[in-house]
């Protein structure tokens, strides 16, 4: 381990806990600063100011937001100018979370844009698609065989990167999953045998599996006549047709922070068809809410038999219903899932020190 403070540049467009990826960088940076690290944030805009003197923020200034492909291209070029001016320092690691140019390590928070290749060649005939693919390959070190360490936040992402960019497979490291902040937990209680409350959370409700969720709810209600359903994400008008066969208590909360609702849930059901990670799964488990999720979710790898069940979307509706009913009937309180941001920082420090020693 180096004796001098390790200096780390974090590259992110928006600085502050204003989104999933942004919260990841925010919490990671705070924890790194507690561990003898000097952190420099290079961003387009700071949305929240930190009083931490070990964190310096460099804003390149708000860029024109449209077209998006041009925004990302300009961001990458302007950030690289800043990074090059800072790279003369010793014990410096450049850590990107964006489609940047020069970095030692990059964290992939979402599925690769290259999945567009599966949607037909005509999707690729645009400057937008060409630019995104070029920036993505550049970030992964696919040009000139750059030595970039690639950190996916889930095994699902790792597998996709290896599939679409086999030339960088050697740089893919073990996933570093997000931490979970402390939230009020679900009180230890027995779920009534004739009811219970199941929850769905997802603004992108089609991809998150709302249609299957409602089919499960319909079948569960036949066994549990007083079943309640709480939905965060879609408005009732958007999904009314999918709910017409559910003759029971269903509450639409719109899109709002989910942390205040986990105490109400007896079960979270998340049958997503594609989910790079799925933070709500980790949050629910940390609040002692059992989960039934699809294996298409990155967070499925963190679901132990103490926390819930992982099913395939190819499994029958009966299987989904039976597993959901089994967890609603569980007499033993679910164990709280634990993953602190301090643990995340320690995982990255191991990577940083390996970079400095190479």
Protein backbone atom coordinates (compact mmCIF):
# COMPACT_ATOMS: atom_id res chain seq x y z
CA UNK A 1 0.00 0.00 0.00
CA UNK A 2 1.36 3.45 -0.91
CA UNK A 3 2.42 5.76 1.94
CA UNK A 4 1.43 8.99 0.23
CA UNK A 5 -2.26 9.84 -0.17
CA UNK A 6 -3.69 8.17 -3.24
CA UNK A 7 -5.11 10.68 -5.70
CA UNK A 8 -8.18 9.58 -7.64
CA UNK A 9 -9.98 11.39 -10.43
CA UNK A 10 -13.64 10.46 -10.74
CA UNK A 11 -15.28 11.33 -14.08
CA UNK A 12 -19.04 11.80 -14.05
CA UNK A 13 -21.28 14.20 -15.97
CA UNK A 14 -23.47 15.21 -13.04
CA UNK A 15 -21.93 15.42 -9.56
CA UNK A 16 -24.31 14.67 -6.71
CA UNK A 17 -26.79 11.96 -5.67
CA UNK A 18 -29.23 12.85 -8.45
CA UNK A 19 -29.51 9.43 -10.09
CA UNK A 20 -28.43 5.81 -9.71
CA UNK A 21 -24.99 6.12 -11.28
CA UNK A 22 -24.46 9.57 -9.79
CA UNK A 23 -25.31 8.32 -6.29
CA UNK A 24 -22.81 5.50 -6.80
CA UNK A 25 -20.03 8.01 -7.56
CA UNK A 26 -21.15 10.34 -4.75
CA UNK A 27 -21.09 7.68 -2.03
CA UNK A 28 -17.90 6.09 -3.35
CA UNK A 29 -16.09 9.43 -3.33
CA UNK A 30 -17.17 10.23 0.22
CA UNK A 31 -15.91 6.87 1.44
CA UNK A 32 -12.63 7.11 -0.47
CA UNK A 33 -11.93 10.46 1.19
CA UNK A 34 -12.18 8.72 4.58
CA UNK A 35 -9.48 6.28 3.46
CA UNK A 36 -6.49 8.56 2.82
CA UNK A 37 -7.55 9.45 -0.73
CA UNK A 38 -7.58 12.85 -2.40
CA UNK A 39 -10.52 12.81 -4.77
CA UNK A 40 -10.94 15.12 -7.75
CA UNK A 41 -14.33 15.15 -9.48
CA UNK A 42 -14.32 16.20 -13.14
CA UNK A 43 -17.89 16.88 -14.18
CA UNK A 44 -20.12 18.95 -16.37
CA UNK A 45 -22.13 20.31 -13.47
CA UNK A 46 -22.15 19.96 -9.67
CA UNK A 47 -25.70 19.57 -8.37
CA UNK A 48 -24.66 19.33 -4.75
CA UNK A 49 -21.75 20.91 -2.92
CA UNK A 50 -19.70 18.89 -0.47
CA UNK A 51 -17.92 20.43 2.50
CA UNK A 52 -15.36 17.62 2.40
CA UNK A 53 -11.95 19.26 1.88
CA UNK A 54 -10.52 16.01 0.48
CA UNK A 55 -12.90 16.23 -2.48
CA UNK A 56 -12.20 18.82 -5.16
CA UNK A 57 -14.76 19.48 -7.89
CA UNK A 58 -13.79 20.73 -11.35
CA UNK A 59 -16.74 21.73 -13.52
CA UNK A 60 -16.20 22.03 -17.26
CA UNK A 61 -19.49 23.91 -17.54
CA UNK A 62 -22.94 23.08 -18.84
CA UNK A 63 -22.80 21.80 -22.42
CA UNK A 64 -25.55 21.96 -25.01
CA UNK A 65 -27.74 18.97 -24.15
CA UNK A 66 -28.96 18.11 -27.66
CA UNK A 67 -28.21 16.22 -29.77
CA UNK A 68 -27.15 13.76 -27.10
CA UNK A 69 -24.50 12.02 -29.16
CA UNK A 70 -22.74 15.34 -29.72
CA UNK A 71 -23.03 16.17 -26.01
CA UNK A 72 -21.19 12.97 -25.07
CA UNK A 73 -18.55 13.59 -27.70
CA UNK A 74 -17.91 17.14 -26.47
CA UNK A 75 -17.91 16.02 -22.85
CA UNK A 76 -15.30 13.32 -23.54
CA UNK A 77 -12.99 15.74 -25.33
CA UNK A 78 -13.25 18.55 -22.77
CA UNK A 79 -12.81 16.19 -19.83
CA UNK A 80 -9.75 14.69 -21.46
CA UNK A 81 -8.10 18.11 -21.60
CA UNK A 82 -8.60 18.46 -17.84
CA UNK A 83 -7.38 14.92 -17.14
CA UNK A 84 -4.23 15.40 -19.20
CA UNK A 85 -3.40 18.54 -17.20
CA UNK A 86 -3.64 16.55 -13.94
CA UNK A 87 -1.89 13.33 -14.95
CA UNK A 88 1.62 14.46 -14.04
CA UNK A 89 0.98 13.66 -10.39
CA UNK A 90 2.25 10.47 -8.75
CA UNK A 91 -0.08 7.92 -7.21
CA UNK A 92 -2.87 9.11 -9.49
CA UNK A 93 -5.68 6.87 -10.74
CA UNK A 94 -8.20 8.07 -13.32
CA UNK A 95 -11.57 6.42 -12.75
CA UNK A 96 -14.33 7.00 -15.29
CA UNK A 97 -18.06 6.40 -15.09
CA UNK A 98 -18.70 7.93 -18.50
CA UNK A 99 -17.72 7.53 -22.15
CA UNK A 100 -14.36 9.22 -21.59
CA UNK A 101 -11.05 8.93 -23.44
CA UNK A 102 -8.12 8.56 -21.02
CA UNK A 103 -8.60 6.54 -17.84
CA UNK A 104 -7.12 3.61 -15.94
CA UNK A 105 -10.39 2.10 -14.80
CA UNK A 106 -14.01 2.45 -15.86
CA UNK A 107 -17.20 1.38 -14.13
CA UNK A 108 -20.02 0.16 -16.36
CA UNK A 109 -23.40 0.93 -14.81
CA UNK A 110 -25.69 -0.10 -17.67
CA UNK A 111 -25.97 -2.58 -20.49
CA UNK A 112 -23.67 -1.86 -23.46
CA UNK A 113 -25.09 0.29 -26.22
CA UNK A 114 -23.75 -2.40 -28.56
CA UNK A 115 -26.87 -4.47 -27.84
CA UNK A 116 -28.38 -2.32 -30.60
CA UNK A 117 -26.62 -4.65 -33.03
CA UNK A 118 -29.27 -7.25 -32.25
CA UNK A 119 -32.05 -4.93 -33.40
CA UNK A 120 -31.19 -4.89 -37.11
CA UNK A 121 -28.53 -3.33 -39.31
CA UNK A 122 -30.77 -0.35 -40.14
CA UNK A 123 -30.48 0.80 -36.52
CA UNK A 124 -26.76 1.32 -37.07
CA UNK A 125 -27.07 3.62 -40.07
CA UNK A 126 -26.90 6.89 -38.18
CA UNK A 127 -24.20 9.19 -36.90
CA UNK A 128 -25.77 8.84 -33.46
CA UNK A 129 -25.33 5.06 -33.33
CA UNK A 130 -21.85 5.23 -34.86
CA UNK A 131 -20.72 7.84 -32.31
CA UNK A 132 -22.12 5.93 -29.32
CA UNK A 133 -20.45 2.72 -30.46
CA UNK A 134 -17.12 4.49 -30.99
CA UNK A 135 -17.25 6.16 -27.57
CA UNK A 136 -18.21 2.91 -25.87
CA UNK A 137 -15.39 0.94 -27.48
CA UNK A 138 -12.99 3.77 -26.61
CA UNK A 139 -14.09 3.69 -22.96
CA UNK A 140 -13.48 -0.05 -22.78
CA UNK A 141 -9.97 0.29 -24.20
CA UNK A 142 -10.94 -1.41 -27.44
CA UNK A 143 -8.80 0.94 -29.53
CA UNK A 144 -5.00 0.61 -29.53
CA UNK A 145 -5.29 -2.14 -26.87
CA UNK A 146 -5.36 0.32 -23.97
CA UNK A 147 -4.87 -1.26 -20.54
CA UNK A 148 -8.23 -0.38 -19.03
CA UNK A 149 -9.69 -2.19 -16.06
CA UNK A 150 -13.42 -2.66 -16.60
CA UNK A 151 -15.64 -2.89 -13.53
CA UNK A 152 -19.23 -3.98 -14.25
CA UNK A 153 -21.73 -3.43 -11.45
CA UNK A 154 -23.24 -6.87 -12.11
CA UNK A 155 -22.51 -10.20 -13.75
CA UNK A 156 -25.25 -9.46 -16.28
CA UNK A 157 -23.30 -6.44 -17.54
CA UNK A 158 -20.00 -8.36 -17.47
CA UNK A 159 -21.46 -11.08 -19.67
CA UNK A 160 -22.86 -8.54 -22.14
CA UNK A 161 -19.53 -6.67 -22.43
CA UNK A 162 -17.69 -9.93 -23.06
CA UNK A 163 -20.26 -10.89 -25.71
CA UNK A 164 -20.15 -7.64 -27.67
CA UNK A 165 -16.50 -6.72 -27.04
CA UNK A 166 -14.55 -10.00 -26.80
CA UNK A 167 -11.32 -8.11 -27.53
CA UNK A 168 -11.45 -6.47 -24.06
CA UNK A 169 -12.45 -9.60 -22.12
CA UNK A 170 -9.07 -9.67 -20.37
CA UNK A 171 -9.76 -6.30 -18.76
CA UNK A 172 -13.09 -7.25 -17.21
CA UNK A 173 -12.85 -7.51 -13.43
CA UNK A 174 -15.24 -8.97 -10.86
CA UNK A 175 -18.40 -6.87 -10.43
CA UNK A 176 -18.46 -4.23 -7.70
CA UNK A 177 -22.10 -3.93 -6.75
CA UNK A 178 -23.59 -0.76 -5.23
CA UNK A 179 -23.84 -0.15 -1.51
CA UNK A 180 -27.16 0.40 0.21
CA UNK A 181 -27.77 3.27 2.60
CA UNK A 182 -29.56 2.62 5.86
CA UNK A 183 -33.36 2.85 5.62
CA UNK A 184 -36.24 1.97 7.95
CA UNK A 185 -36.82 -1.77 7.84
CA UNK A 186 -40.05 -3.69 7.52
CA UNK A 187 -41.38 -4.50 11.01
CA UNK A 188 -41.22 -8.19 11.88
CA UNK A 189 -44.77 -9.33 11.33
CA UNK A 190 -46.70 -12.31 10.06
CA UNK A 191 -48.50 -11.73 6.78
CA UNK A 192 -52.23 -12.55 7.04
CA UNK A 193 -52.97 -15.86 5.33
CA UNK A 194 -55.79 -14.24 3.39
CA UNK A 195 -53.91 -11.13 2.33
CA UNK A 196 -50.63 -9.26 2.45
CA UNK A 197 -49.17 -6.42 0.39
CA UNK A 198 -47.12 -6.99 -2.74
CA UNK A 199 -45.19 -4.17 -4.39
CA UNK A 200 -44.08 -3.23 -7.88
CA UNK A 201 -41.51 -0.47 -8.51
CA UNK A 202 -40.47 0.71 -11.95
CA UNK A 203 -40.92 3.81 -14.06
CA UNK A 204 -40.03 1.84 -17.20
CA UNK A 205 -42.85 -0.52 -16.34
CA UNK A 206 -42.83 -2.54 -19.57
CA UNK A 207 -39.19 -3.57 -19.21
CA UNK A 208 -39.65 -4.06 -15.46
CA UNK A 209 -42.33 -6.70 -16.09
CA UNK A 210 -45.54 -5.01 -14.93
CA UNK A 211 -47.69 -7.18 -17.20
CA UNK A 212 -46.39 -10.39 -15.61
CA UNK A 213 -46.61 -8.78 -12.17
CA UNK A 214 -50.34 -8.19 -12.63
CA UNK A 215 -50.92 -11.75 -13.82
CA UNK A 216 -49.20 -12.97 -10.65
CA UNK A 217 -51.32 -10.59 -8.57
CA UNK A 218 -54.53 -11.86 -10.18
CA UNK A 219 -53.68 -15.48 -9.35
CA UNK A 220 -52.51 -14.65 -5.85
CA UNK A 221 -55.78 -12.88 -5.11
CA UNK A 222 -57.68 -16.08 -5.75
CA UNK A 223 -55.75 -17.60 -2.84
CA UNK A 224 -55.56 -14.39 -0.80
CA UNK A 225 -58.85 -12.47 -1.21
CA UNK A 226 -57.62 -9.50 0.85
CA UNK A 227 -54.37 -9.08 -1.09
CA UNK A 228 -53.23 -5.47 -1.56
CA UNK A 229 -51.11 -4.17 -4.42
CA UNK A 230 -48.91 -1.05 -4.30
CA UNK A 231 -47.47 0.29 -7.57
CA UNK A 232 -44.73 2.89 -7.87
CA UNK A 233 -43.94 4.06 -11.37
CA UNK A 234 -46.70 3.95 -13.96
CA UNK A 235 -49.80 6.08 -13.65
CA UNK A 236 -53.08 4.21 -13.46
CA UNK A 237 -54.17 5.55 -16.86
CA UNK A 238 -51.05 4.07 -18.50
CA UNK A 239 -51.68 0.51 -17.37
CA UNK A 240 -55.44 0.39 -16.77
CA UNK A 241 -55.92 -2.30 -19.41
CA UNK A 242 -53.43 -4.59 -17.63
CA UNK A 243 -55.27 -4.17 -14.33
CA UNK A 244 -58.83 -4.71 -15.49
CA UNK A 245 -58.95 -8.32 -14.26
CA UNK A 246 -57.70 -7.48 -10.77
CA UNK A 247 -60.75 -6.93 -8.63
CA UNK A 248 -59.13 -5.72 -5.45
CA UNK A 249 -57.15 -3.08 -3.59
CA UNK A 250 -54.54 -1.56 -5.90
CA UNK A 251 -52.86 1.73 -5.06
CA UNK A 252 -50.95 3.74 -7.66
CA UNK A 253 -48.37 6.05 -6.08
CA UNK A 254 -46.81 7.49 -9.24
CA UNK A 255 -43.06 7.90 -9.46
CA UNK A 256 -41.52 8.91 -6.16
CA UNK A 257 -38.75 7.75 -3.80
CA UNK A 258 -39.36 4.15 -2.85
CA UNK A 259 -37.65 4.14 0.57
CA UNK A 260 -40.81 5.22 2.39
CA UNK A 261 -42.83 2.27 1.05
CA UNK A 262 -40.70 -0.77 1.86
CA UNK A 263 -42.15 -0.92 5.37
CA UNK A 264 -45.59 -1.49 3.83
CA UNK A 265 -44.49 -4.33 1.55
CA UNK A 266 -44.68 -7.98 2.48
CA UNK A 267 -43.08 -8.91 -0.84
CA UNK A 268 -41.43 -7.17 -3.79
CA UNK A 269 -42.00 -8.84 -7.14
CA UNK A 270 -39.67 -7.73 -9.94
CA UNK A 271 -39.99 -9.85 -13.12
CA UNK A 272 -37.91 -7.55 -15.34
CA UNK A 273 -36.92 -8.67 -18.83
CA UNK A 274 -33.68 -6.67 -18.66
CA UNK A 275 -32.09 -5.00 -15.64
CA UNK A 276 -28.43 -4.00 -15.48
CA UNK A 277 -28.58 -4.15 -11.69
CA UNK A 278 -31.90 -3.28 -10.03
CA UNK A 279 -31.23 -1.12 -6.99
CA UNK A 280 -34.76 -1.58 -5.66
CA UNK A 281 -34.02 -5.29 -5.16
CA UNK A 282 -31.02 -4.55 -2.93
CA UNK A 283 -32.95 -1.82 -1.12
CA UNK A 284 -35.93 -4.09 -0.44
CA UNK A 285 -33.69 -6.86 0.87
CA UNK A 286 -31.85 -4.39 3.13
CA UNK A 287 -35.25 -3.37 4.53
CA UNK A 288 -36.04 -7.05 5.29
CA UNK A 289 -38.58 -7.30 2.49
CA UNK A 290 -38.37 -10.65 0.67
CA UNK A 291 -38.14 -10.54 -3.12
CA UNK A 292 -39.13 -12.68 -6.09
CA UNK A 293 -37.17 -11.52 -9.14
CA UNK A 294 -36.15 -12.63 -12.62
CA UNK A 295 -32.69 -13.91 -13.43
CA UNK A 296 -32.42 -11.10 -16.00
CA UNK A 297 -31.71 -8.71 -13.11
CA UNK A 298 -28.10 -8.00 -12.19
CA UNK A 299 -29.02 -7.90 -8.51
CA UNK A 300 -30.34 -11.46 -8.75
CA UNK A 301 -26.81 -12.63 -7.97
CA UNK A 302 -27.15 -11.02 -4.52
CA UNK A 303 -30.45 -12.73 -3.70
CA UNK A 304 -29.71 -15.57 -1.30
CA UNK A 305 -32.20 -18.11 -0.04
CA UNK A 306 -32.55 -15.91 3.06
CA UNK A 307 -33.73 -12.99 0.96
CA UNK A 308 -36.02 -14.42 -1.71
CA UNK A 309 -36.23 -16.34 -4.96
CA UNK A 310 -34.78 -15.92 -8.44
CA UNK A 311 -36.85 -17.31 -11.30
CA UNK A 312 -36.58 -17.46 -15.07
CA UNK A 313 -39.03 -15.62 -17.29
CA UNK A 314 -39.43 -19.01 -18.98
CA UNK A 315 -40.84 -20.45 -15.76
CA UNK A 316 -44.58 -20.92 -15.69
CA UNK A 317 -46.96 -18.40 -14.20
CA UNK A 318 -47.85 -21.07 -11.65
CA UNK A 319 -44.21 -21.20 -10.52
CA UNK A 320 -44.10 -17.42 -10.05
CA UNK A 321 -47.36 -17.48 -8.11
CA UNK A 322 -46.31 -20.39 -5.91
CA UNK A 323 -42.97 -18.79 -5.02
CA UNK A 324 -44.68 -15.49 -4.26
CA UNK A 325 -47.23 -17.22 -2.05
CA UNK A 326 -44.47 -19.16 -0.29
CA UNK A 327 -42.69 -15.94 0.69
CA UNK A 328 -45.93 -14.29 1.77
CA UNK A 329 -46.53 -17.35 3.97
CA UNK A 330 -43.02 -17.20 5.44
CA UNK A 331 -43.13 -17.34 9.23
CA UNK A 332 -39.49 -16.36 9.69
CA UNK A 333 -38.51 -12.73 9.13
CA UNK A 334 -36.28 -12.16 6.11
CA UNK A 335 -32.65 -11.43 6.96
CA UNK A 336 -31.50 -7.90 6.18
CA UNK A 337 -29.13 -7.68 3.22
CA UNK A 338 -26.00 -5.67 4.01
CA UNK A 339 -23.65 -3.96 1.59
CA UNK A 340 -22.09 -0.71 2.80
CA UNK A 341 -20.50 1.99 0.66
CA UNK A 342 -17.41 1.51 2.79
CA UNK A 343 -17.17 -2.03 1.41
CA UNK A 344 -17.54 -0.64 -2.11
CA UNK A 345 -14.67 1.80 -1.46
CA UNK A 346 -12.45 -1.01 -0.15
CA UNK A 347 -13.11 -3.04 -3.29
CA UNK A 348 -12.04 -0.10 -5.44
CA UNK A 349 -8.97 0.63 -3.33
CA UNK A 350 -7.75 -2.86 -4.08
CA UNK A 351 -8.13 -2.11 -7.79
CA UNK A 352 -6.44 1.30 -7.49
CA UNK A 353 -3.41 -0.10 -5.67
CA UNK A 354 -3.02 -2.83 -8.27
CA UNK A 355 -3.03 -0.15 -10.97
CA UNK A 356 -0.36 1.85 -9.14
CA UNK A 357 1.81 -1.21 -8.74
CA UNK A 358 1.63 -2.24 -12.39
